[in-house]
N, C-alpha and C. Protein backbone atom coordinates (compact mmCIF):
# COMPACT_ATOMS: atom_id res chain seq x y z
N UNK A 1 9.25 -55.54 142.85
CA UNK A 1 7.97 -56.17 143.18
C UNK A 1 7.84 -57.52 142.45
N UNK A 2 7.51 -58.59 143.21
CA UNK A 2 7.40 -59.91 142.62
C UNK A 2 6.15 -60.02 141.77
N UNK A 3 6.30 -60.62 140.60
CA UNK A 3 5.17 -60.75 139.69
C UNK A 3 4.46 -62.09 139.91
N UNK A 4 3.15 -62.06 139.71
CA UNK A 4 2.36 -63.28 139.82
C UNK A 4 2.55 -64.13 138.57
N UNK A 5 2.16 -65.40 138.71
CA UNK A 5 2.25 -66.30 137.56
C UNK A 5 1.39 -65.83 136.41
N UNK A 6 0.22 -65.24 136.74
CA UNK A 6 -0.67 -64.73 135.71
C UNK A 6 -0.02 -63.60 134.93
N UNK A 7 0.67 -62.69 135.64
CA UNK A 7 1.31 -61.56 134.95
C UNK A 7 2.45 -62.05 134.07
N UNK A 8 3.24 -63.01 134.59
CA UNK A 8 4.33 -63.56 133.78
C UNK A 8 3.79 -64.21 132.51
N UNK A 9 2.70 -64.97 132.64
CA UNK A 9 2.10 -65.64 131.48
C UNK A 9 1.64 -64.61 130.45
N UNK A 10 1.05 -63.50 130.94
CA UNK A 10 0.57 -62.44 130.05
C UNK A 10 1.74 -61.76 129.35
N UNK A 11 2.80 -61.52 130.08
CA UNK A 11 3.97 -60.86 129.48
C UNK A 11 4.65 -61.76 128.44
N UNK A 12 4.69 -63.07 128.70
CA UNK A 12 5.27 -63.99 127.73
C UNK A 12 4.39 -64.04 126.47
N UNK A 13 3.07 -63.99 126.65
CA UNK A 13 2.16 -63.96 125.51
C UNK A 13 2.39 -62.71 124.67
N UNK A 14 2.53 -61.57 125.34
CA UNK A 14 2.81 -60.31 124.64
C UNK A 14 4.13 -60.42 123.88
N UNK A 15 5.13 -61.03 124.53
CA UNK A 15 6.44 -61.21 123.88
C UNK A 15 6.30 -62.04 122.61
N UNK A 16 5.51 -63.12 122.66
CA UNK A 16 5.36 -63.98 121.49
C UNK A 16 4.64 -63.27 120.36
N UNK A 17 3.68 -62.40 120.70
CA UNK A 17 3.00 -61.59 119.67
C UNK A 17 4.02 -60.67 119.01
N UNK A 18 4.83 -60.00 119.85
CA UNK A 18 5.85 -59.10 119.30
C UNK A 18 6.88 -59.84 118.47
N UNK A 19 7.27 -61.04 118.94
CA UNK A 19 8.25 -61.84 118.21
C UNK A 19 7.71 -62.25 116.84
N UNK A 20 6.44 -62.60 116.79
CA UNK A 20 5.81 -62.97 115.51
C UNK A 20 5.77 -61.78 114.56
N UNK A 21 5.38 -60.60 115.08
CA UNK A 21 5.34 -59.39 114.26
C UNK A 21 6.74 -59.07 113.74
N UNK A 22 7.73 -59.11 114.65
CA UNK A 22 9.10 -58.77 114.27
C UNK A 22 9.63 -59.70 113.18
N UNK A 23 9.35 -60.99 113.31
CA UNK A 23 9.88 -61.93 112.33
C UNK A 23 9.08 -61.95 111.02
N UNK A 24 7.87 -61.44 111.07
CA UNK A 24 7.17 -61.18 109.81
C UNK A 24 7.92 -60.09 109.04
N UNK A 25 8.35 -59.07 109.79
CA UNK A 25 9.15 -57.99 109.18
C UNK A 25 10.47 -58.51 108.64
N UNK A 26 11.13 -59.37 109.40
CA UNK A 26 12.40 -59.95 108.95
C UNK A 26 12.19 -60.76 107.67
N UNK A 27 11.07 -61.49 107.60
CA UNK A 27 10.78 -62.29 106.41
C UNK A 27 10.61 -61.41 105.17
N UNK A 28 9.86 -60.30 105.31
CA UNK A 28 9.71 -59.36 104.19
C UNK A 28 11.07 -58.82 103.78
N UNK A 29 11.87 -58.48 104.78
CA UNK A 29 13.22 -57.95 104.54
C UNK A 29 14.04 -58.95 103.72
N UNK A 30 14.05 -60.21 104.14
CA UNK A 30 14.84 -61.22 103.46
C UNK A 30 14.31 -61.54 102.07
N UNK A 31 12.97 -61.53 101.92
CA UNK A 31 12.38 -61.82 100.61
C UNK A 31 12.67 -60.74 99.57
N UNK A 32 12.99 -59.54 100.06
CA UNK A 32 13.34 -58.47 99.11
C UNK A 32 14.67 -58.77 98.41
N UNK A 33 15.48 -59.63 99.03
CA UNK A 33 16.80 -60.03 98.50
C UNK A 33 17.69 -58.82 98.24
N UNK A 34 17.59 -57.81 99.08
CA UNK A 34 18.43 -56.61 98.94
C UNK A 34 19.46 -56.53 100.06
N UNK A 35 19.73 -57.66 100.66
CA UNK A 35 20.70 -57.69 101.75
C UNK A 35 20.14 -58.45 102.93
N UNK A 36 20.98 -58.68 103.90
CA UNK A 36 20.55 -59.38 105.10
C UNK A 36 20.62 -58.42 106.29
N UNK A 37 19.88 -58.73 107.36
CA UNK A 37 19.92 -57.84 108.52
C UNK A 37 21.32 -57.86 109.13
N UNK A 38 21.73 -56.77 109.83
CA UNK A 38 23.11 -56.64 110.33
C UNK A 38 23.62 -57.83 111.15
N UNK A 39 22.78 -58.34 112.06
CA UNK A 39 23.24 -59.45 112.89
C UNK A 39 23.48 -60.69 112.04
N UNK A 40 22.63 -60.91 111.05
CA UNK A 40 22.80 -62.08 110.19
C UNK A 40 24.03 -61.96 109.30
N UNK A 41 24.43 -60.73 108.96
CA UNK A 41 25.67 -60.53 108.20
C UNK A 41 26.86 -61.00 109.03
N UNK A 42 26.82 -60.68 110.33
CA UNK A 42 27.88 -61.15 111.24
C UNK A 42 27.90 -62.67 111.29
N UNK A 43 26.72 -63.29 111.44
CA UNK A 43 26.65 -64.75 111.52
C UNK A 43 27.13 -65.37 110.20
N UNK A 44 26.70 -64.76 109.10
CA UNK A 44 27.08 -65.26 107.78
C UNK A 44 28.60 -65.22 107.60
N UNK A 45 29.21 -64.09 107.97
CA UNK A 45 30.66 -63.94 107.85
C UNK A 45 31.40 -64.92 108.74
N UNK A 46 30.90 -65.09 109.97
CA UNK A 46 31.53 -66.03 110.91
C UNK A 46 31.41 -67.46 110.40
N UNK A 47 30.25 -67.80 109.87
CA UNK A 47 30.03 -69.15 109.32
C UNK A 47 31.00 -69.43 108.16
N UNK A 48 31.13 -68.46 107.25
CA UNK A 48 32.02 -68.66 106.09
C UNK A 48 33.48 -68.76 106.52
N UNK A 49 33.87 -67.96 107.51
CA UNK A 49 35.24 -68.02 108.01
C UNK A 49 35.54 -69.37 108.67
N UNK A 50 34.62 -69.82 109.53
CA UNK A 50 34.81 -71.10 110.20
C UNK A 50 34.79 -72.26 109.21
N UNK A 51 33.97 -72.15 108.16
CA UNK A 51 33.90 -73.19 107.14
C UNK A 51 35.23 -73.32 106.42
N UNK A 52 35.84 -72.16 106.11
CA UNK A 52 37.14 -72.18 105.43
C UNK A 52 38.23 -72.78 106.33
N UNK A 53 38.16 -72.46 107.61
CA UNK A 53 39.21 -72.90 108.54
C UNK A 53 39.08 -74.36 108.93
N UNK A 54 37.84 -74.83 109.11
CA UNK A 54 37.63 -76.19 109.60
C UNK A 54 37.21 -77.18 108.53
N UNK A 55 36.42 -76.70 107.56
CA UNK A 55 35.92 -77.59 106.51
C UNK A 55 34.97 -78.64 107.04
N UNK A 56 34.41 -78.43 108.24
CA UNK A 56 33.53 -79.43 108.85
C UNK A 56 32.15 -79.44 108.19
N UNK A 57 31.67 -80.61 107.78
CA UNK A 57 30.33 -80.72 107.18
C UNK A 57 29.23 -80.53 108.22
N UNK A 58 29.60 -80.64 109.50
CA UNK A 58 28.61 -80.47 110.58
C UNK A 58 28.32 -79.01 110.86
N UNK A 59 29.15 -78.13 110.32
CA UNK A 59 28.98 -76.69 110.54
C UNK A 59 27.90 -76.14 109.62
N UNK A 60 26.87 -75.54 110.19
CA UNK A 60 25.80 -74.93 109.40
C UNK A 60 25.56 -73.50 109.87
N UNK A 61 24.91 -72.72 109.01
CA UNK A 61 24.60 -71.34 109.35
C UNK A 61 23.73 -71.29 110.61
N UNK A 62 22.73 -72.17 110.67
CA UNK A 62 21.83 -72.20 111.82
C UNK A 62 22.54 -72.53 113.12
N UNK A 63 23.48 -73.47 113.06
CA UNK A 63 24.22 -73.85 114.27
C UNK A 63 25.13 -72.73 114.74
N UNK A 64 25.73 -72.01 113.80
CA UNK A 64 26.57 -70.86 114.17
C UNK A 64 25.72 -69.78 114.82
N UNK A 65 24.53 -69.53 114.23
CA UNK A 65 23.60 -68.54 114.78
C UNK A 65 23.23 -68.91 116.22
N UNK A 66 22.87 -70.17 116.44
CA UNK A 66 22.48 -70.64 117.77
C UNK A 66 23.64 -70.51 118.75
N UNK A 67 24.85 -70.85 118.28
CA UNK A 67 26.02 -70.81 119.14
C UNK A 67 26.35 -69.38 119.57
N UNK A 68 26.25 -68.43 118.64
CA UNK A 68 26.53 -67.03 118.97
C UNK A 68 25.50 -66.50 119.96
N UNK A 69 24.23 -66.80 119.72
CA UNK A 69 23.17 -66.38 120.65
C UNK A 69 23.38 -66.98 122.03
N UNK A 70 23.76 -68.26 122.06
CA UNK A 70 24.02 -68.94 123.32
C UNK A 70 25.20 -68.30 124.05
N UNK A 71 26.24 -67.93 123.29
CA UNK A 71 27.41 -67.28 123.87
C UNK A 71 27.05 -65.93 124.48
N UNK A 72 26.22 -65.15 123.77
CA UNK A 72 25.77 -63.86 124.29
C UNK A 72 25.02 -64.05 125.61
N UNK A 73 24.15 -65.05 125.65
CA UNK A 73 23.39 -65.33 126.86
C UNK A 73 24.32 -65.72 128.01
N UNK A 74 25.32 -66.57 127.73
CA UNK A 74 26.27 -66.98 128.76
C UNK A 74 27.04 -65.79 129.32
N UNK A 75 27.49 -64.90 128.44
CA UNK A 75 28.23 -63.71 128.87
C UNK A 75 27.37 -62.84 129.77
N UNK A 76 26.10 -62.67 129.39
CA UNK A 76 25.20 -61.84 130.20
C UNK A 76 24.87 -62.50 131.53
N UNK A 77 24.80 -63.81 131.55
CA UNK A 77 24.55 -64.51 132.81
C UNK A 77 25.69 -64.26 133.80
N UNK A 78 26.90 -64.10 133.26
CA UNK A 78 28.06 -63.81 134.11
C UNK A 78 28.09 -62.34 134.52
N UNK A 79 27.82 -61.44 133.55
CA UNK A 79 27.93 -60.00 133.81
C UNK A 79 26.73 -59.44 134.58
N UNK A 80 25.53 -59.77 134.10
CA UNK A 80 24.31 -59.25 134.75
C UNK A 80 23.14 -60.13 134.34
N UNK A 81 22.85 -61.13 135.16
CA UNK A 81 21.83 -62.12 134.79
C UNK A 81 20.41 -61.55 134.76
N UNK A 82 20.21 -60.34 135.27
CA UNK A 82 18.86 -59.76 135.29
C UNK A 82 18.33 -59.52 133.87
N UNK A 83 19.22 -59.45 132.88
CA UNK A 83 18.80 -59.20 131.51
C UNK A 83 18.31 -60.47 130.81
N UNK A 84 18.71 -61.63 131.32
CA UNK A 84 18.35 -62.90 130.69
C UNK A 84 17.10 -63.46 131.35
N UNK A 85 16.01 -63.54 130.58
CA UNK A 85 14.74 -64.02 131.12
C UNK A 85 14.20 -65.12 130.22
N UNK A 86 13.05 -65.65 130.58
CA UNK A 86 12.47 -66.76 129.82
C UNK A 86 12.26 -66.38 128.35
N UNK A 87 11.90 -65.11 128.10
CA UNK A 87 11.68 -64.68 126.73
C UNK A 87 12.93 -64.70 125.88
N UNK A 88 14.10 -64.52 126.51
CA UNK A 88 15.37 -64.57 125.78
C UNK A 88 15.57 -65.95 125.18
N UNK A 89 15.26 -66.97 125.96
CA UNK A 89 15.39 -68.35 125.48
C UNK A 89 14.35 -68.62 124.39
N UNK A 90 13.13 -68.13 124.57
CA UNK A 90 12.09 -68.31 123.56
C UNK A 90 12.48 -67.66 122.24
N UNK A 91 13.04 -66.45 122.33
CA UNK A 91 13.46 -65.74 121.12
C UNK A 91 14.53 -66.54 120.37
N UNK A 92 15.44 -67.14 121.11
CA UNK A 92 16.54 -67.87 120.50
C UNK A 92 16.04 -69.09 119.73
N UNK A 93 15.03 -69.78 120.28
CA UNK A 93 14.57 -71.02 119.67
C UNK A 93 13.37 -70.86 118.73
N UNK A 94 12.60 -69.76 118.87
CA UNK A 94 11.36 -69.60 118.09
C UNK A 94 11.51 -68.78 116.82
N UNK A 95 12.54 -67.93 116.76
CA UNK A 95 12.69 -67.02 115.61
C UNK A 95 12.78 -67.74 114.28
N UNK A 96 13.65 -68.76 114.21
CA UNK A 96 13.83 -69.50 112.95
C UNK A 96 12.56 -70.13 112.42
N UNK A 97 11.83 -70.92 113.24
CA UNK A 97 10.58 -71.53 112.77
C UNK A 97 9.54 -70.50 112.31
N UNK A 98 9.48 -69.34 112.98
CA UNK A 98 8.52 -68.30 112.59
C UNK A 98 8.87 -67.76 111.20
N UNK A 99 10.16 -67.52 110.97
CA UNK A 99 10.60 -67.04 109.65
C UNK A 99 10.31 -68.09 108.58
N UNK A 100 10.58 -69.37 108.89
CA UNK A 100 10.30 -70.44 107.93
C UNK A 100 8.82 -70.46 107.55
N UNK A 101 7.94 -70.28 108.55
CA UNK A 101 6.49 -70.30 108.31
C UNK A 101 6.09 -69.15 107.38
N UNK A 102 6.55 -67.93 107.68
CA UNK A 102 6.18 -66.78 106.87
C UNK A 102 6.81 -66.84 105.48
N UNK A 103 7.99 -67.45 105.38
CA UNK A 103 8.64 -67.59 104.08
C UNK A 103 7.79 -68.45 103.15
N UNK A 104 7.24 -69.54 103.67
CA UNK A 104 6.35 -70.40 102.86
C UNK A 104 5.07 -69.66 102.51
N UNK A 105 4.58 -68.87 103.45
CA UNK A 105 3.32 -68.15 103.25
C UNK A 105 3.45 -67.06 102.19
N UNK A 106 4.61 -66.38 102.18
CA UNK A 106 4.80 -65.23 101.29
C UNK A 106 5.52 -65.58 99.99
N UNK A 107 6.02 -66.81 99.88
CA UNK A 107 6.78 -67.18 98.69
C UNK A 107 5.97 -67.09 97.39
N UNK A 108 4.70 -67.51 97.34
CA UNK A 108 3.95 -67.48 96.08
C UNK A 108 3.87 -66.12 95.38
N UNK A 109 3.72 -64.97 96.10
CA UNK A 109 3.64 -63.69 95.40
C UNK A 109 4.89 -63.35 94.60
N UNK A 110 6.01 -64.02 94.88
CA UNK A 110 7.23 -63.77 94.10
C UNK A 110 7.82 -62.40 94.32
N UNK A 111 7.91 -61.96 95.57
CA UNK A 111 8.48 -60.64 95.87
C UNK A 111 9.91 -60.53 95.35
N UNK A 112 10.68 -61.61 95.52
CA UNK A 112 12.09 -61.57 95.13
C UNK A 112 12.28 -61.47 93.62
N UNK A 113 11.22 -61.75 92.85
CA UNK A 113 11.33 -61.68 91.39
C UNK A 113 10.90 -60.32 90.84
N UNK A 114 10.39 -59.47 91.71
CA UNK A 114 9.93 -58.15 91.28
C UNK A 114 11.13 -57.22 91.05
N UNK A 115 10.86 -56.06 90.45
CA UNK A 115 11.92 -55.09 90.19
C UNK A 115 12.39 -54.46 91.50
N UNK A 116 13.57 -53.83 91.46
CA UNK A 116 14.13 -53.18 92.64
C UNK A 116 13.21 -52.07 93.14
N UNK A 117 12.53 -51.40 92.22
CA UNK A 117 11.60 -50.31 92.58
C UNK A 117 10.49 -50.85 93.49
N UNK A 118 10.08 -52.07 93.26
CA UNK A 118 9.04 -52.70 94.09
C UNK A 118 9.64 -53.27 95.36
N UNK A 119 10.84 -53.82 95.25
CA UNK A 119 11.44 -54.50 96.39
C UNK A 119 11.92 -53.55 97.49
N UNK A 120 12.32 -52.34 97.15
CA UNK A 120 12.78 -51.39 98.17
C UNK A 120 11.65 -51.03 99.14
N UNK A 121 10.42 -50.72 98.66
CA UNK A 121 9.33 -50.48 99.63
C UNK A 121 9.04 -51.70 100.50
N UNK A 122 9.16 -52.91 99.92
CA UNK A 122 8.96 -54.14 100.70
C UNK A 122 10.02 -54.23 101.80
N UNK A 123 11.25 -53.90 101.43
CA UNK A 123 12.35 -53.89 102.39
C UNK A 123 12.10 -52.90 103.53
N UNK A 124 11.73 -51.66 103.16
CA UNK A 124 11.48 -50.62 104.16
C UNK A 124 10.33 -51.02 105.06
N UNK A 125 9.25 -51.55 104.46
CA UNK A 125 8.10 -52.01 105.26
C UNK A 125 8.53 -53.11 106.23
N UNK A 126 9.38 -54.02 105.76
CA UNK A 126 9.89 -55.08 106.62
C UNK A 126 10.67 -54.52 107.81
N UNK A 127 11.49 -53.50 107.56
CA UNK A 127 12.27 -52.87 108.63
C UNK A 127 11.35 -52.20 109.65
N UNK A 128 10.30 -51.53 109.17
CA UNK A 128 9.36 -50.85 110.08
C UNK A 128 8.62 -51.86 110.95
N UNK A 129 8.15 -52.96 110.32
CA UNK A 129 7.44 -54.00 111.06
C UNK A 129 8.38 -54.67 112.06
N UNK A 130 9.62 -54.91 111.63
CA UNK A 130 10.64 -55.49 112.52
C UNK A 130 10.84 -54.61 113.76
N UNK A 131 11.00 -53.31 113.54
CA UNK A 131 11.24 -52.38 114.65
C UNK A 131 10.04 -52.34 115.60
N UNK A 132 8.84 -52.34 115.03
CA UNK A 132 7.63 -52.29 115.87
C UNK A 132 7.51 -53.55 116.73
N UNK A 133 7.67 -54.71 116.09
CA UNK A 133 7.57 -55.97 116.82
C UNK A 133 8.66 -56.11 117.86
N UNK A 134 9.87 -55.67 117.51
CA UNK A 134 10.99 -55.75 118.42
C UNK A 134 10.73 -54.95 119.70
N UNK A 135 10.10 -53.77 119.57
CA UNK A 135 9.83 -52.96 120.76
C UNK A 135 8.74 -53.56 121.64
N UNK A 136 7.80 -54.29 121.03
CA UNK A 136 6.80 -55.01 121.84
C UNK A 136 7.51 -56.08 122.67
N UNK A 137 8.44 -56.80 122.03
CA UNK A 137 9.20 -57.83 122.73
C UNK A 137 9.97 -57.21 123.90
N UNK A 138 10.67 -56.10 123.64
CA UNK A 138 11.46 -55.45 124.68
C UNK A 138 10.58 -54.98 125.83
N UNK A 139 9.46 -54.34 125.50
CA UNK A 139 8.59 -53.77 126.53
C UNK A 139 7.72 -54.80 127.23
N UNK A 140 7.69 -56.04 126.71
CA UNK A 140 6.97 -57.09 127.44
C UNK A 140 7.66 -57.36 128.77
N UNK A 141 8.95 -57.02 128.83
CA UNK A 141 9.78 -57.23 130.02
C UNK A 141 9.80 -58.69 130.45
N UNK A 142 9.69 -59.58 129.45
CA UNK A 142 9.79 -61.01 129.72
C UNK A 142 11.05 -61.58 129.07
N UNK A 143 11.88 -60.67 128.54
CA UNK A 143 13.10 -61.08 127.85
C UNK A 143 13.09 -60.56 126.42
N UNK A 144 14.21 -60.67 125.73
CA UNK A 144 14.27 -60.24 124.34
C UNK A 144 15.34 -61.04 123.60
N UNK A 145 15.44 -60.84 122.30
CA UNK A 145 16.39 -61.58 121.49
C UNK A 145 17.83 -61.33 121.94
N UNK A 146 18.68 -62.37 121.90
CA UNK A 146 20.08 -62.20 122.33
C UNK A 146 20.81 -61.08 121.60
N UNK A 147 20.58 -60.93 120.28
CA UNK A 147 21.25 -59.86 119.56
C UNK A 147 20.74 -58.48 119.96
N UNK A 148 19.44 -58.36 120.23
CA UNK A 148 18.89 -57.08 120.70
C UNK A 148 19.42 -56.73 122.09
N UNK A 149 19.71 -57.75 122.89
CA UNK A 149 20.19 -57.52 124.24
C UNK A 149 21.52 -56.76 124.25
N UNK A 150 22.33 -56.97 123.23
CA UNK A 150 23.62 -56.27 123.16
C UNK A 150 23.39 -54.76 123.19
N UNK A 151 22.46 -54.28 122.36
CA UNK A 151 22.16 -52.85 122.32
C UNK A 151 21.48 -52.38 123.60
N UNK A 152 20.58 -53.20 124.14
CA UNK A 152 19.85 -52.84 125.35
C UNK A 152 20.80 -52.68 126.54
N UNK A 153 21.70 -53.65 126.71
CA UNK A 153 22.63 -53.61 127.84
C UNK A 153 23.57 -52.40 127.73
N UNK A 154 24.12 -52.17 126.55
CA UNK A 154 25.03 -51.03 126.36
C UNK A 154 24.29 -49.72 126.61
N UNK A 155 23.05 -49.63 126.08
CA UNK A 155 22.24 -48.42 126.27
C UNK A 155 21.97 -48.17 127.75
N UNK A 156 21.62 -49.22 128.49
CA UNK A 156 21.33 -49.10 129.92
C UNK A 156 22.57 -48.73 130.73
N UNK A 157 23.66 -49.44 130.46
CA UNK A 157 24.88 -49.24 131.26
C UNK A 157 25.51 -47.87 131.02
N UNK A 158 25.46 -47.39 129.77
CA UNK A 158 26.07 -46.10 129.45
C UNK A 158 25.09 -44.94 129.52
N UNK A 159 23.80 -45.26 129.81
CA UNK A 159 22.76 -44.24 129.90
C UNK A 159 22.64 -43.43 128.60
N UNK A 160 22.71 -44.14 127.48
CA UNK A 160 22.61 -43.51 126.17
C UNK A 160 21.30 -43.91 125.50
N UNK A 161 20.86 -43.10 124.54
CA UNK A 161 19.61 -43.39 123.83
C UNK A 161 19.72 -44.70 123.07
N UNK A 162 18.68 -45.53 123.21
CA UNK A 162 18.67 -46.84 122.55
C UNK A 162 18.83 -46.70 121.04
N UNK A 163 18.14 -45.74 120.43
CA UNK A 163 18.18 -45.60 118.97
C UNK A 163 19.60 -45.37 118.46
N UNK A 164 20.39 -44.56 119.20
CA UNK A 164 21.77 -44.28 118.79
C UNK A 164 22.65 -45.51 118.99
N UNK A 165 22.51 -46.15 120.14
CA UNK A 165 23.31 -47.35 120.44
C UNK A 165 23.00 -48.46 119.44
N UNK A 166 21.72 -48.60 119.09
CA UNK A 166 21.33 -49.64 118.14
C UNK A 166 22.01 -49.45 116.79
N UNK A 167 22.09 -48.21 116.32
CA UNK A 167 22.76 -47.94 115.04
C UNK A 167 24.23 -48.33 115.13
N UNK A 168 24.90 -47.92 116.22
CA UNK A 168 26.32 -48.22 116.39
C UNK A 168 26.56 -49.73 116.43
N UNK A 169 25.73 -50.45 117.19
CA UNK A 169 25.86 -51.91 117.30
C UNK A 169 25.63 -52.58 115.95
N UNK A 170 24.58 -52.14 115.23
CA UNK A 170 24.29 -52.73 113.92
C UNK A 170 25.42 -52.48 112.92
N UNK A 171 25.97 -51.27 112.94
CA UNK A 171 27.09 -50.95 112.03
C UNK A 171 28.30 -51.83 112.37
N UNK A 172 28.55 -52.05 113.66
CA UNK A 172 29.65 -52.93 114.07
C UNK A 172 29.42 -54.36 113.58
N UNK A 173 28.18 -54.83 113.69
CA UNK A 173 27.83 -56.17 113.17
C UNK A 173 28.15 -56.26 111.67
N UNK A 174 27.72 -55.23 110.93
CA UNK A 174 27.91 -55.22 109.48
C UNK A 174 29.38 -55.22 109.11
N UNK A 175 30.16 -54.34 109.74
CA UNK A 175 31.59 -54.22 109.42
C UNK A 175 32.32 -55.52 109.74
N UNK A 176 32.09 -56.07 110.93
CA UNK A 176 32.76 -57.32 111.33
C UNK A 176 32.35 -58.47 110.40
N UNK A 177 31.04 -58.56 110.11
CA UNK A 177 30.56 -59.61 109.23
C UNK A 177 31.12 -59.49 107.83
N UNK A 178 31.17 -58.28 107.31
CA UNK A 178 31.70 -58.03 105.96
C UNK A 178 33.18 -58.42 105.88
N UNK A 179 33.96 -58.06 106.90
CA UNK A 179 35.38 -58.38 106.92
C UNK A 179 35.63 -59.88 106.95
N UNK A 180 34.67 -60.63 107.49
CA UNK A 180 34.81 -62.09 107.56
C UNK A 180 34.17 -62.79 106.35
N UNK A 181 33.58 -62.00 105.44
CA UNK A 181 33.03 -62.60 104.23
C UNK A 181 31.53 -62.58 104.11
N UNK A 182 30.83 -61.89 105.02
CA UNK A 182 29.38 -61.76 104.94
C UNK A 182 28.96 -60.88 103.78
N UNK A 183 27.75 -61.12 103.27
CA UNK A 183 27.24 -60.35 102.13
C UNK A 183 26.46 -59.14 102.61
N UNK A 184 26.84 -57.98 102.08
CA UNK A 184 26.19 -56.72 102.45
C UNK A 184 25.51 -56.13 101.22
N UNK A 185 24.22 -55.77 101.36
CA UNK A 185 23.49 -55.14 100.27
C UNK A 185 22.88 -53.82 100.73
N UNK A 186 22.18 -53.18 99.84
CA UNK A 186 21.55 -51.89 100.19
C UNK A 186 20.58 -52.06 101.35
N UNK A 187 19.92 -53.22 101.41
CA UNK A 187 19.00 -53.48 102.50
C UNK A 187 19.68 -53.54 103.85
N UNK A 188 20.91 -54.04 103.88
CA UNK A 188 21.67 -54.11 105.12
C UNK A 188 21.93 -52.71 105.66
N UNK A 189 22.31 -51.81 104.76
CA UNK A 189 22.61 -50.43 105.16
C UNK A 189 21.35 -49.73 105.63
N UNK A 190 20.25 -49.91 104.88
CA UNK A 190 18.98 -49.28 105.26
C UNK A 190 18.54 -49.79 106.63
N UNK A 191 18.65 -51.09 106.84
CA UNK A 191 18.24 -51.69 108.11
C UNK A 191 19.09 -51.16 109.27
N UNK A 192 20.41 -51.05 109.05
CA UNK A 192 21.32 -50.61 110.11
C UNK A 192 21.00 -49.20 110.59
N UNK A 193 20.55 -48.33 109.67
CA UNK A 193 20.30 -46.93 110.04
C UNK A 193 18.83 -46.60 110.27
N UNK A 194 17.92 -47.54 109.94
CA UNK A 194 16.49 -47.26 110.07
C UNK A 194 15.86 -47.88 111.31
N UNK A 195 16.21 -49.13 111.61
CA UNK A 195 15.55 -49.85 112.69
C UNK A 195 15.75 -49.18 114.05
N UNK A 196 16.97 -48.73 114.34
CA UNK A 196 17.25 -48.09 115.63
C UNK A 196 16.37 -46.88 115.92
N UNK A 197 16.35 -45.87 115.04
CA UNK A 197 15.51 -44.69 115.27
C UNK A 197 14.01 -45.01 115.33
N UNK A 198 13.54 -45.92 114.47
CA UNK A 198 12.11 -46.28 114.49
C UNK A 198 11.78 -46.99 115.80
N UNK A 199 12.65 -47.90 116.23
CA UNK A 199 12.44 -48.60 117.50
C UNK A 199 12.47 -47.61 118.66
N UNK A 200 13.38 -46.63 118.60
CA UNK A 200 13.47 -45.62 119.65
C UNK A 200 12.17 -44.83 119.78
N UNK A 201 11.47 -44.60 118.66
CA UNK A 201 10.20 -43.88 118.68
C UNK A 201 9.08 -44.76 119.24
N UNK A 202 9.10 -46.04 118.87
CA UNK A 202 8.03 -46.96 119.29
C UNK A 202 8.17 -47.44 120.74
N UNK A 203 9.37 -47.40 121.32
CA UNK A 203 9.58 -47.94 122.66
C UNK A 203 8.63 -47.35 123.71
N UNK A 204 8.54 -46.01 123.85
CA UNK A 204 7.59 -45.48 124.85
C UNK A 204 6.14 -45.76 124.50
N UNK A 205 5.81 -45.77 123.20
CA UNK A 205 4.44 -46.04 122.76
C UNK A 205 4.03 -47.45 123.17
N UNK A 206 4.88 -48.42 122.86
CA UNK A 206 4.56 -49.81 123.19
C UNK A 206 4.72 -50.09 124.68
N UNK A 207 5.54 -49.28 125.36
CA UNK A 207 5.64 -49.42 126.80
C UNK A 207 4.32 -49.10 127.48
N UNK A 208 3.68 -48.03 127.02
CA UNK A 208 2.36 -47.65 127.57
C UNK A 208 1.31 -48.69 127.21
N UNK A 209 1.40 -49.23 126.00
CA UNK A 209 0.45 -50.25 125.55
C UNK A 209 0.54 -51.51 126.43
N UNK A 210 1.77 -51.97 126.67
CA UNK A 210 1.97 -53.16 127.52
C UNK A 210 1.48 -52.89 128.94
N UNK A 211 1.76 -51.70 129.46
CA UNK A 211 1.30 -51.35 130.82
C UNK A 211 -0.22 -51.42 130.94
N UNK A 212 -0.91 -50.96 129.90
CA UNK A 212 -2.38 -51.01 129.93
C UNK A 212 -2.86 -52.46 129.89
N UNK A 213 -2.20 -53.29 129.08
CA UNK A 213 -2.62 -54.68 128.95
C UNK A 213 -2.43 -55.45 130.26
N UNK A 214 -1.32 -55.21 130.94
CA UNK A 214 -1.05 -55.95 132.18
C UNK A 214 -1.61 -55.26 133.41
N UNK A 215 -2.33 -54.14 133.18
CA UNK A 215 -3.01 -53.46 134.29
C UNK A 215 -2.12 -52.61 135.15
N UNK A 216 -1.07 -52.03 134.55
CA UNK A 216 -0.13 -51.21 135.31
C UNK A 216 -0.33 -49.71 135.10
N UNK A 217 -1.35 -49.31 134.34
CA UNK A 217 -1.52 -47.90 134.05
C UNK A 217 -1.76 -47.10 135.33
N UNK A 218 -1.06 -45.98 135.40
CA UNK A 218 -1.23 -45.08 136.54
C UNK A 218 -0.55 -45.55 137.79
N UNK A 219 0.24 -46.63 137.72
CA UNK A 219 0.91 -47.15 138.91
C UNK A 219 2.37 -46.76 138.88
């Protein structure tokens, strides 16, 4: 069924709300300084490997991140373009600025200077908020982050539970990133095994929420 411009605008708005929530969680996660999220470990390892091989001053972490996301989108456009929507492009370009904004906002409390006992709850809270926001983005059905799409596509194609596929994908990101020189901390491990199951629980909840907002309840 073709969607109206009004419905698309509403779904994109919902996606941006979810993206903001998710990246607030990512910011808390990163400020805990107990590791990086699994996808970023992969980017970090790839960046360090390419830096060693090329020595190019033009190579930056951000450019590698953008290039990998762009490559994922290109592959999906070839394999199944139905997964790539306007929200996918928004996620690719908006995530970094949102994290930068929250980093400035949360920097004064000095979370990273607190003891590990304090930082672990901050890390876990960040993972929970990330998972909740991520499921709003997915259920907006206006697109999702390129890295999240990897788990979504595999889950859909193999008819497997998203929570299980997400764990497997995140663990693969961590292992590949670590082998290439990425930094892995306790937070990376917690994130790899926590976000998938929490997102799996929130997906139907946020699916019903989005349906009510866009007026699809009972249809």
